[in-house]
mmCIF file of all heavy atoms, coordinates in Angstrom:
data_MODEL
# 
_entry.id   MODEL 
# 
loop_
_atom_site.group_PDB 
_atom_site.id 
_atom_site.type_symbol 
_atom_site.label_atom_id 
_atom_site.label_alt_id 
_atom_site.label_comp_id 
_atom_site.label_asym_id 
_atom_site.label_entity_id 
_atom_site.label_seq_id 
_atom_site.pdbx_PDB_ins_code 
_atom_site.Cartn_x 
_atom_site.Cartn_y 
_atom_site.Cartn_z 
_atom_site.occupancy 
_atom_site.B_iso_or_equiv 
_atom_site.pdbx_formal_charge 
_atom_site.auth_seq_id 
_atom_site.auth_comp_id 
_atom_site.auth_asym_id 
_atom_site.auth_atom_id 
_atom_site.pdbx_PDB_model_num 
ATOM 1   N N   . VAL A 1 1  ? 140.798 93.588 65.118 1.00 0.00 ? 1  VAL A N   1 
ATOM 2   C CA  . VAL A 1 1  ? 142.225 93.276 65.193 1.00 0.00 ? 1  VAL A CA  1 
ATOM 3   C C   . VAL A 1 1  ? 142.972 94.373 65.930 1.00 0.00 ? 1  VAL A C   1 
ATOM 4   O O   . VAL A 1 1  ? 142.809 95.559 65.634 1.00 0.00 ? 1  VAL A O   1 
ATOM 5   C CB  . VAL A 1 1  ? 142.831 93.099 63.784 1.00 0.00 ? 1  VAL A CB  1 
ATOM 6   C CG1 . VAL A 1 1  ? 144.323 92.785 63.887 1.00 0.00 ? 1  VAL A CG1 1 
ATOM 7   C CG2 . VAL A 1 1  ? 142.119 91.976 63.026 1.00 0.00 ? 1  VAL A CG2 1 
ATOM 8   N N   . GLU A 1 2  ? 143.801 93.973 66.895 1.00 0.00 ? 2  GLU A N   1 
ATOM 9   C CA  . GLU A 1 2  ? 144.658 94.907 67.639 1.00 0.00 ? 2  GLU A CA  1 
ATOM 10  C C   . GLU A 1 2  ? 146.115 94.534 67.389 1.00 0.00 ? 2  GLU A C   1 
ATOM 11  O O   . GLU A 1 2  ? 146.509 93.375 67.534 1.00 0.00 ? 2  GLU A O   1 
ATOM 12  C CB  . GLU A 1 2  ? 144.358 94.841 69.134 1.00 0.00 ? 2  GLU A CB  1 
ATOM 13  C CG  . GLU A 1 2  ? 145.198 95.800 69.972 1.00 0.00 ? 2  GLU A CG  1 
ATOM 14  C CD  . GLU A 1 2  ? 144.845 95.774 71.448 1.00 0.00 ? 2  GLU A CD  1 
ATOM 15  O OE1 . GLU A 1 2  ? 143.731 95.315 71.789 1.00 0.00 ? 2  GLU A OE1 1 
ATOM 16  O OE2 . GLU A 1 2  ? 145.684 96.199 72.269 1.00 0.00 ? 2  GLU A OE2 1 
ATOM 17  N N   . PHE A 1 3  ? 146.912 95.515 66.993 1.00 0.00 ? 3  PHE A N   1 
ATOM 18  C CA  . PHE A 1 3  ? 148.323 95.298 66.692 1.00 0.00 ? 3  PHE A CA  1 
ATOM 19  C C   . PHE A 1 3  ? 149.173 95.743 67.878 1.00 0.00 ? 3  PHE A C   1 
ATOM 20  O O   . PHE A 1 3  ? 149.027 96.863 68.376 1.00 0.00 ? 3  PHE A O   1 
ATOM 21  C CB  . PHE A 1 3  ? 148.729 96.083 65.446 1.00 0.00 ? 3  PHE A CB  1 
ATOM 22  C CG  . PHE A 1 3  ? 147.941 95.708 64.213 1.00 0.00 ? 3  PHE A CG  1 
ATOM 23  C CD1 . PHE A 1 3  ? 146.784 96.407 63.869 1.00 0.00 ? 3  PHE A CD1 1 
ATOM 24  C CD2 . PHE A 1 3  ? 148.345 94.665 63.404 1.00 0.00 ? 3  PHE A CD2 1 
ATOM 25  C CE1 . PHE A 1 3  ? 146.062 96.064 62.742 1.00 0.00 ? 3  PHE A CE1 1 
ATOM 26  C CE2 . PHE A 1 3  ? 147.632 94.311 62.272 1.00 0.00 ? 3  PHE A CE2 1 
ATOM 27  C CZ  . PHE A 1 3  ? 146.482 95.015 61.943 1.00 0.00 ? 3  PHE A CZ  1 
ATOM 28  N N   . ILE A 1 4  ? 150.064 94.859 68.326 1.00 0.00 ? 4  ILE A N   1 
ATOM 29  C CA  . ILE A 1 4  ? 150.951 95.164 69.455 1.00 0.00 ? 4  ILE A CA  1 
ATOM 30  C C   . ILE A 1 4  ? 152.385 94.879 69.017 1.00 0.00 ? 4  ILE A C   1 
ATOM 31  O O   . ILE A 1 4  ? 152.729 93.741 68.692 1.00 0.00 ? 4  ILE A O   1 
ATOM 32  C CB  . ILE A 1 4  ? 150.598 94.313 70.694 1.00 0.00 ? 4  ILE A CB  1 
ATOM 33  C CG1 . ILE A 1 4  ? 149.119 94.497 71.059 1.00 0.00 ? 4  ILE A CG1 1 
ATOM 34  C CG2 . ILE A 1 4  ? 151.493 94.689 71.873 1.00 0.00 ? 4  ILE A CG2 1 
ATOM 35  C CD1 . ILE A 1 4  ? 148.641 93.573 72.160 1.00 0.00 ? 4  ILE A CD1 1 
ATOM 36  N N   . THR A 1 5  ? 153.223 95.917 69.003 1.00 0.00 ? 5  THR A N   1 
ATOM 37  C CA  . THR A 1 5  ? 154.584 95.771 68.491 1.00 0.00 ? 5  THR A CA  1 
ATOM 38  C C   . THR A 1 5  ? 155.625 95.879 69.604 1.00 0.00 ? 5  THR A C   1 
ATOM 39  O O   . THR A 1 5  ? 155.334 96.286 70.726 1.00 0.00 ? 5  THR A O   1 
ATOM 40  C CB  . THR A 1 5  ? 154.879 96.844 67.433 1.00 0.00 ? 5  THR A CB  1 
ATOM 41  O OG1 . THR A 1 5  ? 154.734 98.141 68.033 1.00 0.00 ? 5  THR A OG1 1 
ATOM 42  C CG2 . THR A 1 5  ? 153.936 96.726 66.259 1.00 0.00 ? 5  THR A CG2 1 
ATOM 43  N N   . ASN A 1 6  ? 156.850 95.494 69.252 1.00 0.00 ? 6  ASN A N   1 
ATOM 44  C CA  . ASN A 1 6  ? 158.008 95.592 70.142 1.00 0.00 ? 6  ASN A CA  1 
ATOM 45  C C   . ASN A 1 6  ? 157.821 94.781 71.429 1.00 0.00 ? 6  ASN A C   1 
ATOM 46  O O   . ASN A 1 6  ? 158.140 95.250 72.522 1.00 0.00 ? 6  ASN A O   1 
ATOM 47  C CB  . ASN A 1 6  ? 158.288 97.060 70.480 1.00 0.00 ? 6  ASN A CB  1 
ATOM 48  C CG  . ASN A 1 6  ? 159.749 97.309 70.792 1.00 0.00 ? 6  ASN A CG  1 
ATOM 49  O OD1 . ASN A 1 6  ? 160.625 96.556 70.360 1.00 0.00 ? 6  ASN A OD1 1 
ATOM 50  N ND2 . ASN A 1 6  ? 160.037 98.336 71.565 1.00 0.00 ? 6  ASN A ND2 1 
ATOM 51  N N   . VAL A 1 7  ? 157.320 93.566 71.270 1.00 0.00 ? 7  VAL A N   1 
ATOM 52  C CA  . VAL A 1 7  ? 157.092 92.701 72.426 1.00 0.00 ? 7  VAL A CA  1 
ATOM 53  C C   . VAL A 1 7  ? 157.717 91.326 72.198 1.00 0.00 ? 7  VAL A C   1 
ATOM 54  O O   . VAL A 1 7  ? 157.888 90.888 71.071 1.00 0.00 ? 7  VAL A O   1 
ATOM 55  C CB  . VAL A 1 7  ? 155.591 92.532 72.740 1.00 0.00 ? 7  VAL A CB  1 
ATOM 56  C CG1 . VAL A 1 7  ? 154.961 93.864 73.117 1.00 0.00 ? 7  VAL A CG1 1 
ATOM 57  C CG2 . VAL A 1 7  ? 154.839 91.904 71.563 1.00 0.00 ? 7  VAL A CG2 1 
ATOM 58  N N   . ALA A 1 8  ? 158.058 90.675 73.297 1.00 0.00 ? 8  ALA A N   1 
ATOM 59  C CA  . ALA A 1 8  ? 158.595 89.312 73.258 1.00 0.00 ? 8  ALA A CA  1 
ATOM 60  C C   . ALA A 1 8  ? 157.628 88.391 73.992 1.00 0.00 ? 8  ALA A C   1 
ATOM 61  O O   . ALA A 1 8  ? 157.313 88.635 75.165 1.00 0.00 ? 8  ALA A O   1 
ATOM 62  C CB  . ALA A 1 8  ? 159.969 89.256 73.923 1.00 0.00 ? 8  ALA A CB  1 
ATOM 63  N N   . VAL A 1 9  ? 157.148 87.374 73.310 1.00 0.00 ? 9  VAL A N   1 
ATOM 64  C CA  . VAL A 1 9  ? 156.221 86.426 73.931 1.00 0.00 ? 9  VAL A CA  1 
ATOM 65  C C   . VAL A 1 9  ? 157.018 85.513 74.861 1.00 0.00 ? 9  VAL A C   1 
ATOM 66  O O   . VAL A 1 9  ? 158.020 84.927 74.468 1.00 0.00 ? 9  VAL A O   1 
ATOM 67  C CB  . VAL A 1 9  ? 155.483 85.596 72.866 1.00 0.00 ? 9  VAL A CB  1 
ATOM 68  C CG1 . VAL A 1 9  ? 154.535 84.602 73.530 1.00 0.00 ? 9  VAL A CG1 1 
ATOM 69  C CG2 . VAL A 1 9  ? 154.716 86.522 71.920 1.00 0.00 ? 9  VAL A CG2 1 
ATOM 70  N N   . LYS A 1 10 ? 156.555 85.384 76.113 1.00 0.00 ? 10 LYS A N   1 
ATOM 71  C CA  . LYS A 1 10 ? 157.325 84.660 77.129 1.00 0.00 ? 10 LYS A CA  1 
ATOM 72  C C   . LYS A 1 10 ? 156.727 83.317 77.514 1.00 0.00 ? 10 LYS A C   1 
ATOM 73  O O   . LYS A 1 10 ? 157.446 82.370 77.822 1.00 0.00 ? 10 LYS A O   1 
ATOM 74  C CB  . LYS A 1 10 ? 157.477 85.529 78.384 1.00 0.00 ? 10 LYS A CB  1 
ATOM 75  C CG  . LYS A 1 10 ? 158.314 86.781 78.165 1.00 0.00 ? 10 LYS A CG  1 
ATOM 76  C CD  . LYS A 1 10 ? 158.426 87.621 79.423 1.00 0.00 ? 10 LYS A CD  1 
ATOM 77  C CE  . LYS A 1 10 ? 159.232 86.910 80.500 1.00 0.00 ? 10 LYS A CE  1 
ATOM 78  N NZ  . LYS A 1 10 ? 159.406 87.784 81.698 1.00 0.00 ? 10 LYS A NZ  1 
ATOM 79  N N   . GLU A 1 11 ? 155.396 83.220 77.531 1.00 0.00 ? 11 GLU A N   1 
ATOM 80  C CA  . GLU A 1 11 ? 154.787 81.974 78.022 1.00 0.00 ? 11 GLU A CA  1 
ATOM 81  C C   . GLU A 1 11 ? 153.345 81.853 77.549 1.00 0.00 ? 11 GLU A C   1 
ATOM 82  O O   . GLU A 1 11 ? 152.631 82.853 77.420 1.00 0.00 ? 11 GLU A O   1 
ATOM 83  C CB  . GLU A 1 11 ? 154.826 81.942 79.551 1.00 0.00 ? 11 GLU A CB  1 
ATOM 84  C CG  . GLU A 1 11 ? 154.328 80.635 80.146 1.00 0.00 ? 11 GLU A CG  1 
ATOM 85  C CD  . GLU A 1 11 ? 154.434 80.591 81.667 1.00 0.00 ? 11 GLU A CD  1 
ATOM 86  O OE1 . GLU A 1 11 ? 154.895 81.586 82.262 1.00 0.00 ? 11 GLU A OE1 1 
ATOM 87  O OE2 . GLU A 1 11 ? 154.052 79.552 82.259 1.00 0.00 ? 11 GLU A OE2 1 
ATOM 88  N N   . ILE A 1 12 ? 152.947 80.618 77.273 1.00 0.00 ? 12 ILE A N   1 
ATOM 89  C CA  . ILE A 1 12 ? 151.556 80.289 76.973 1.00 0.00 ? 12 ILE A CA  1 
ATOM 90  C C   . ILE A 1 12 ? 151.032 79.448 78.127 1.00 0.00 ? 12 ILE A C   1 
ATOM 91  O O   . ILE A 1 12 ? 151.658 78.460 78.512 1.00 0.00 ? 12 ILE A O   1 
ATOM 92  C CB  . ILE A 1 12 ? 151.445 79.513 75.640 1.00 0.00 ? 12 ILE A CB  1 
ATOM 93  C CG1 . ILE A 1 12 ? 151.973 80.362 74.486 1.00 0.00 ? 12 ILE A CG1 1 
ATOM 94  C CG2 . ILE A 1 12 ? 150.005 79.091 75.383 1.00 0.00 ? 12 ILE A CG2 1 
ATOM 95  C CD1 . ILE A 1 12 ? 152.194 79.595 73.199 1.00 0.00 ? 12 ILE A CD1 1 
ATOM 96  N N   . LYS A 1 13 ? 149.890 79.837 78.681 1.00 0.00 ? 13 LYS A N   1 
ATOM 97  C CA  . LYS A 1 13 ? 149.379 79.178 79.879 1.00 0.00 ? 13 LYS A CA  1 
ATOM 98  C C   . LYS A 1 13 ? 147.987 78.598 79.635 1.00 0.00 ? 13 LYS A C   1 
ATOM 99  O O   . LYS A 1 13 ? 147.272 79.019 78.727 1.00 0.00 ? 13 LYS A O   1 
ATOM 100 C CB  . LYS A 1 13 ? 149.341 80.172 81.050 1.00 0.00 ? 13 LYS A CB  1 
ATOM 101 C CG  . LYS A 1 13 ? 150.706 80.758 81.412 1.00 0.00 ? 13 LYS A CG  1 
ATOM 102 C CD  . LYS A 1 13 ? 150.610 81.836 82.476 1.00 0.00 ? 13 LYS A CD  1 
ATOM 103 C CE  . LYS A 1 13 ? 150.170 81.292 83.810 1.00 0.00 ? 13 LYS A CE  1 
ATOM 104 N NZ  . LYS A 1 13 ? 150.161 82.354 84.850 1.00 0.00 ? 13 LYS A NZ  1 
ATOM 105 N N   . GLY A 1 14 ? 147.646 77.622 80.468 1.00 0.00 ? 14 GLY A N   1 
ATOM 106 C CA  . GLY A 1 14 ? 146.325 77.032 80.395 1.00 0.00 ? 14 GLY A CA  1 
ATOM 107 C C   . GLY A 1 14 ? 146.230 75.810 81.280 1.00 0.00 ? 14 GLY A C   1 
ATOM 108 O O   . GLY A 1 14 ? 147.168 75.502 82.037 1.00 0.00 ? 14 GLY A O   1 
ATOM 109 N N   . THR A 1 15 ? 145.102 75.121 81.203 1.00 0.00 ? 15 THR A N   1 
ATOM 110 C CA  . THR A 1 15 ? 144.938 73.856 81.921 1.00 0.00 ? 15 THR A CA  1 
ATOM 111 C C   . THR A 1 15 ? 144.799 72.746 80.867 1.00 0.00 ? 15 THR A C   1 
ATOM 112 O O   . THR A 1 15 ? 145.793 72.203 80.415 1.00 0.00 ? 15 THR A O   1 
ATOM 113 C CB  . THR A 1 15 ? 143.712 73.912 82.856 1.00 0.00 ? 15 THR A CB  1 
ATOM 114 O OG1 . THR A 1 15 ? 142.583 74.397 82.119 1.00 0.00 ? 15 THR A OG1 1 
ATOM 115 C CG2 . THR A 1 15 ? 143.984 74.824 84.045 1.00 0.00 ? 15 THR A CG2 1 
ATOM 116 N N   . LYS A 1 16 ? 143.584 72.476 80.454 1.00 0.00 ? 16 LYS A N   1 
ATOM 117 C CA  . LYS A 1 16 ? 143.412 71.497 79.380 1.00 0.00 ? 16 LYS A CA  1 
ATOM 118 C C   . LYS A 1 16 ? 143.578 72.142 78.011 1.00 0.00 ? 16 LYS A C   1 
ATOM 119 O O   . LYS A 1 16 ? 143.907 71.470 77.039 1.00 0.00 ? 16 LYS A O   1 
ATOM 120 C CB  . LYS A 1 16 ? 142.024 70.849 79.475 1.00 0.00 ? 16 LYS A CB  1 
ATOM 121 C CG  . LYS A 1 16 ? 141.845 69.959 80.702 1.00 0.00 ? 16 LYS A CG  1 
ATOM 122 C CD  . LYS A 1 16 ? 140.474 69.303 80.688 1.00 0.00 ? 16 LYS A CD  1 
ATOM 123 C CE  . LYS A 1 16 ? 140.305 68.372 81.885 1.00 0.00 ? 16 LYS A CE  1 
ATOM 124 N NZ  . LYS A 1 16 ? 138.957 67.732 81.892 1.00 0.00 ? 16 LYS A NZ  1 
ATOM 125 N N   . PHE A 1 17 ? 143.333 73.448 77.938 1.00 0.00 ? 17 PHE A N   1 
ATOM 126 C CA  . PHE A 1 17 ? 143.380 74.198 76.686 1.00 0.00 ? 17 PHE A CA  1 
ATOM 127 C C   . PHE A 1 17 ? 144.034 75.548 76.961 1.00 0.00 ? 17 PHE A C   1 
ATOM 128 O O   . PHE A 1 17 ? 144.121 75.970 78.127 1.00 0.00 ? 17 PHE A O   1 
ATOM 129 C CB  . PHE A 1 17 ? 141.942 74.396 76.158 1.00 0.00 ? 17 PHE A CB  1 
ATOM 130 C CG  . PHE A 1 17 ? 141.855 74.604 74.673 1.00 0.00 ? 17 PHE A CG  1 
ATOM 131 C CD1 . PHE A 1 17 ? 141.838 73.530 73.803 1.00 0.00 ? 17 PHE A CD1 1 
ATOM 132 C CD2 . PHE A 1 17 ? 141.759 75.882 74.140 1.00 0.00 ? 17 PHE A CD2 1 
ATOM 133 C CE1 . PHE A 1 17 ? 141.735 73.718 72.433 1.00 0.00 ? 17 PHE A CE1 1 
ATOM 134 C CE2 . PHE A 1 17 ? 141.650 76.082 72.777 1.00 0.00 ? 17 PHE A CE2 1 
ATOM 135 C CZ  . PHE A 1 17 ? 141.638 74.995 71.918 1.00 0.00 ? 17 PHE A CZ  1 
ATOM 136 N N   . VAL A 1 18 ? 144.520 76.209 75.946 1.00 0.00 ? 18 VAL A N   1 
ATOM 137 C CA  . VAL A 1 18 ? 145.140 77.530 76.124 1.00 0.00 ? 18 VAL A CA  1 
ATOM 138 C C   . VAL A 1 18 ? 144.152 78.506 76.762 1.00 0.00 ? 18 VAL A C   1 
ATOM 139 O O   . VAL A 1 18 ? 142.991 78.595 76.345 1.00 0.00 ? 18 VAL A O   1 
ATOM 140 C CB  . VAL A 1 18 ? 145.621 78.087 74.774 1.00 0.00 ? 18 VAL A CB  1 
ATOM 141 C CG1 . VAL A 1 18 ? 145.993 79.566 74.890 1.00 0.00 ? 18 VAL A CG1 1 
ATOM 142 C CG2 . VAL A 1 18 ? 146.813 77.298 74.256 1.00 0.00 ? 18 VAL A CG2 1 
ATOM 143 N N   . GLU A 1 19 ? 144.643 79.223 77.777 1.00 0.00 ? 19 GLU A N   1 
ATOM 144 C CA  . GLU A 1 19 ? 143.795 80.202 78.476 1.00 0.00 ? 19 GLU A CA  1 
ATOM 145 C C   . GLU A 1 19 ? 144.378 81.609 78.485 1.00 0.00 ? 19 GLU A C   1 
ATOM 146 O O   . GLU A 1 19 ? 143.641 82.596 78.589 1.00 0.00 ? 19 GLU A O   1 
ATOM 147 C CB  . GLU A 1 19 ? 143.551 79.738 79.915 1.00 0.00 ? 19 GLU A CB  1 
ATOM 148 C CG  . GLU A 1 19 ? 142.767 78.445 80.001 1.00 0.00 ? 19 GLU A CG  1 
ATOM 149 C CD  . GLU A 1 19 ? 142.677 77.899 81.418 1.00 0.00 ? 19 GLU A CD  1 
ATOM 150 O OE1 . GLU A 1 19 ? 143.235 78.545 82.345 1.00 0.00 ? 19 GLU A OE1 1 
ATOM 151 O OE2 . GLU A 1 19 ? 142.078 76.835 81.613 1.00 0.00 ? 19 GLU A OE2 1 
ATOM 152 N N   . SER A 1 20 ? 145.713 81.736 78.393 1.00 0.00 ? 20 SER A N   1 
ATOM 153 C CA  . SER A 1 20 ? 146.306 83.074 78.402 1.00 0.00 ? 20 SER A CA  1 
ATOM 154 C C   . SER A 1 20 ? 147.707 83.049 77.801 1.00 0.00 ? 20 SER A C   1 
ATOM 155 O O   . SER A 1 20 ? 148.284 81.975 77.582 1.00 0.00 ? 20 SER A O   1 
ATOM 156 C CB  . SER A 1 20 ? 146.369 83.639 79.831 1.00 0.00 ? 20 SER A CB  1 
ATOM 157 O OG  . SER A 1 20 ? 147.282 82.896 80.619 1.00 0.00 ? 20 SER A OG  1 
ATOM 158 N N   . LEU A 1 21 ? 148.220 84.237 77.557 1.00 0.00 ? 21 LEU A N   1 
ATOM 159 C CA  . LEU A 1 21 ? 149.570 84.399 77.013 1.00 0.00 ? 21 LEU A CA  1 
ATOM 160 C C   . LEU A 1 21 ? 150.242 85.580 77.708 1.00 0.00 ? 21 LEU A C   1 
ATOM 161 O O   . LEU A 1 21 ? 149.596 86.611 77.961 1.00 0.00 ? 21 LEU A O   1 
ATOM 162 C CB  . LEU A 1 21 ? 149.493 84.622 75.504 1.00 0.00 ? 21 LEU A CB  1 
ATOM 163 C CG  . LEU A 1 21 ? 150.805 84.904 74.757 1.00 0.00 ? 21 LEU A CG  1 
ATOM 164 C CD1 . LEU A 1 21 ? 150.773 84.252 73.367 1.00 0.00 ? 21 LEU A CD1 1 
ATOM 165 C CD2 . LEU A 1 21 ? 151.042 86.407 74.605 1.00 0.00 ? 21 LEU A CD2 1 
ATOM 166 N N   . ILE A 1 22 ? 151.522 85.427 78.010 1.00 0.00 ? 22 ILE A N   1 
ATOM 167 C CA  . ILE A 1 22 ? 152.300 86.496 78.647 1.00 0.00 ? 22 ILE A CA  1 
ATOM 168 C C   . ILE A 1 22 ? 153.330 87.019 77.652 1.00 0.00 ? 22 ILE A C   1 
ATOM 169 O O   . ILE A 1 22 ? 154.068 86.242 77.046 1.00 0.00 ? 22 ILE A O   1 
ATOM 170 C CB  . ILE A 1 22 ? 153.014 85.996 79.916 1.00 0.00 ? 22 ILE A CB  1 
ATOM 171 C CG1 . ILE A 1 22 ? 151.988 85.518 80.959 1.00 0.00 ? 22 ILE A CG1 1 
ATOM 172 C CG2 . ILE A 1 22 ? 153.905 87.101 80.511 1.00 0.00 ? 22 ILE A CG2 1 
ATOM 173 C CD1 . ILE A 1 22 ? 152.621 84.859 82.174 1.00 0.00 ? 22 ILE A CD1 1 
ATOM 174 N N   . TYR A 1 23 ? 153.350 88.354 77.513 1.00 0.00 ? 23 TYR A N   1 
ATOM 175 C CA  . TYR A 1 23 ? 154.381 88.974 76.675 1.00 0.00 ? 23 TYR A CA  1 
ATOM 176 C C   . TYR A 1 23 ? 155.054 90.102 77.437 1.00 0.00 ? 23 TYR A C   1 
ATOM 177 O O   . TYR A 1 23 ? 154.474 90.692 78.346 1.00 0.00 ? 23 TYR A O   1 
ATOM 178 C CB  . TYR A 1 23 ? 153.804 89.466 75.344 1.00 0.00 ? 23 TYR A CB  1 
ATOM 179 C CG  . TYR A 1 23 ? 152.830 90.617 75.440 1.00 0.00 ? 23 TYR A CG  1 
ATOM 180 C CD1 . TYR A 1 23 ? 153.275 91.948 75.548 1.00 0.00 ? 23 TYR A CD1 1 
ATOM 181 C CD2 . TYR A 1 23 ? 151.448 90.397 75.390 1.00 0.00 ? 23 TYR A CD2 1 
ATOM 182 C CE1 . TYR A 1 23 ? 152.389 92.996 75.622 1.00 0.00 ? 23 TYR A CE1 1 
ATOM 183 C CE2 . TYR A 1 23 ? 150.556 91.442 75.467 1.00 0.00 ? 23 TYR A CE2 1 
ATOM 184 C CZ  . TYR A 1 23 ? 151.032 92.746 75.581 1.00 0.00 ? 23 TYR A CZ  1 
ATOM 185 O OH  . TYR A 1 23 ? 150.140 93.792 75.658 1.00 0.00 ? 23 TYR A OH  1 
ATOM 186 N N   . GLU A 1 24 ? 156.293 90.380 77.034 1.00 0.00 ? 24 GLU A N   1 
ATOM 187 C CA  . GLU A 1 24 ? 157.079 91.436 77.675 1.00 0.00 ? 24 GLU A CA  1 
ATOM 188 C C   . GLU A 1 24 ? 157.244 92.618 76.724 1.00 0.00 ? 24 GLU A C   1 
ATOM 189 O O   . GLU A 1 24 ? 157.588 92.447 75.551 1.00 0.00 ? 24 GLU A O   1 
ATOM 190 C CB  . GLU A 1 24 ? 158.468 90.904 78.050 1.00 0.00 ? 24 GLU A CB  1 
ATOM 191 C CG  . GLU A 1 24 ? 159.387 91.961 78.649 1.00 0.00 ? 24 GLU A CG  1 
ATOM 192 C CD  . GLU A 1 24 ? 160.808 91.452 78.825 1.00 0.00 ? 24 GLU A CD  1 
ATOM 193 O OE1 . GLU A 1 24 ? 161.014 90.223 78.725 1.00 0.00 ? 24 GLU A OE1 1 
ATOM 194 O OE2 . GLU A 1 24 ? 161.720 92.279 79.041 1.00 0.00 ? 24 GLU A OE2 1 
ATOM 195 N N   . ASP A 1 25 ? 156.993 93.814 77.239 1.00 0.00 ? 25 ASP A N   1 
ATOM 196 C CA  . ASP A 1 25 ? 157.270 95.026 76.479 1.00 0.00 ? 25 ASP A CA  1 
ATOM 197 C C   . ASP A 1 25 ? 158.779 95.205 76.423 1.00 0.00 ? 25 ASP A C   1 
ATOM 198 O O   . ASP A 1 25 ? 159.439 95.344 77.449 1.00 0.00 ? 25 ASP A O   1 
ATOM 199 C CB  . ASP A 1 25 ? 156.617 96.231 77.158 1.00 0.00 ? 25 ASP A CB  1 
ATOM 200 C CG  . ASP A 1 25 ? 156.754 97.500 76.328 1.00 0.00 ? 25 ASP A CG  1 
ATOM 201 O OD1 . ASP A 1 25 ? 157.890 97.855 75.960 1.00 0.00 ? 25 ASP A OD1 1 
ATOM 202 O OD2 . ASP A 1 25 ? 155.729 98.157 76.080 1.00 0.00 ? 25 ASP A OD2 1 
ATOM 203 N N   . ARG A 1 26 ? 159.345 95.219 75.234 1.00 0.00 ? 26 ARG A N   1 
ATOM 204 C CA  . ARG A 1 26 ? 160.806 95.238 75.094 1.00 0.00 ? 26 ARG A CA  1 
ATOM 205 C C   . ARG A 1 26 ? 161.413 96.591 75.478 1.00 0.00 ? 26 ARG A C   1 
ATOM 206 O O   . ARG A 1 26 ? 162.615 96.675 75.720 1.00 0.00 ? 26 ARG A O   1 
ATOM 207 C CB  . ARG A 1 26 ? 161.200 94.866 73.661 1.00 0.00 ? 26 ARG A CB  1 
ATOM 208 C CG  . ARG A 1 26 ? 160.816 93.432 73.305 1.00 0.00 ? 26 ARG A CG  1 
ATOM 209 C CD  . ARG A 1 26 ? 161.191 93.069 71.884 1.00 0.00 ? 26 ARG A CD  1 
ATOM 210 N NE  . ARG A 1 26 ? 162.611 93.198 71.673 1.00 0.00 ? 26 ARG A NE  1 
ATOM 211 C CZ  . ARG A 1 26 ? 163.169 93.829 70.655 1.00 0.00 ? 26 ARG A CZ  1 
ATOM 212 N NH1 . ARG A 1 26 ? 162.409 94.445 69.749 1.00 0.00 ? 26 ARG A NH1 1 
ATOM 213 N NH2 . ARG A 1 26 ? 164.465 93.890 70.523 1.00 0.00 ? 26 ARG A NH2 1 
# 
């Protein structure tokens, strides 16, 4: 498990299934 704080999730990407996620460092 990796904990990442102070971020805002911006977009979930993929084709038929989820492939990636974009977050912004606040």
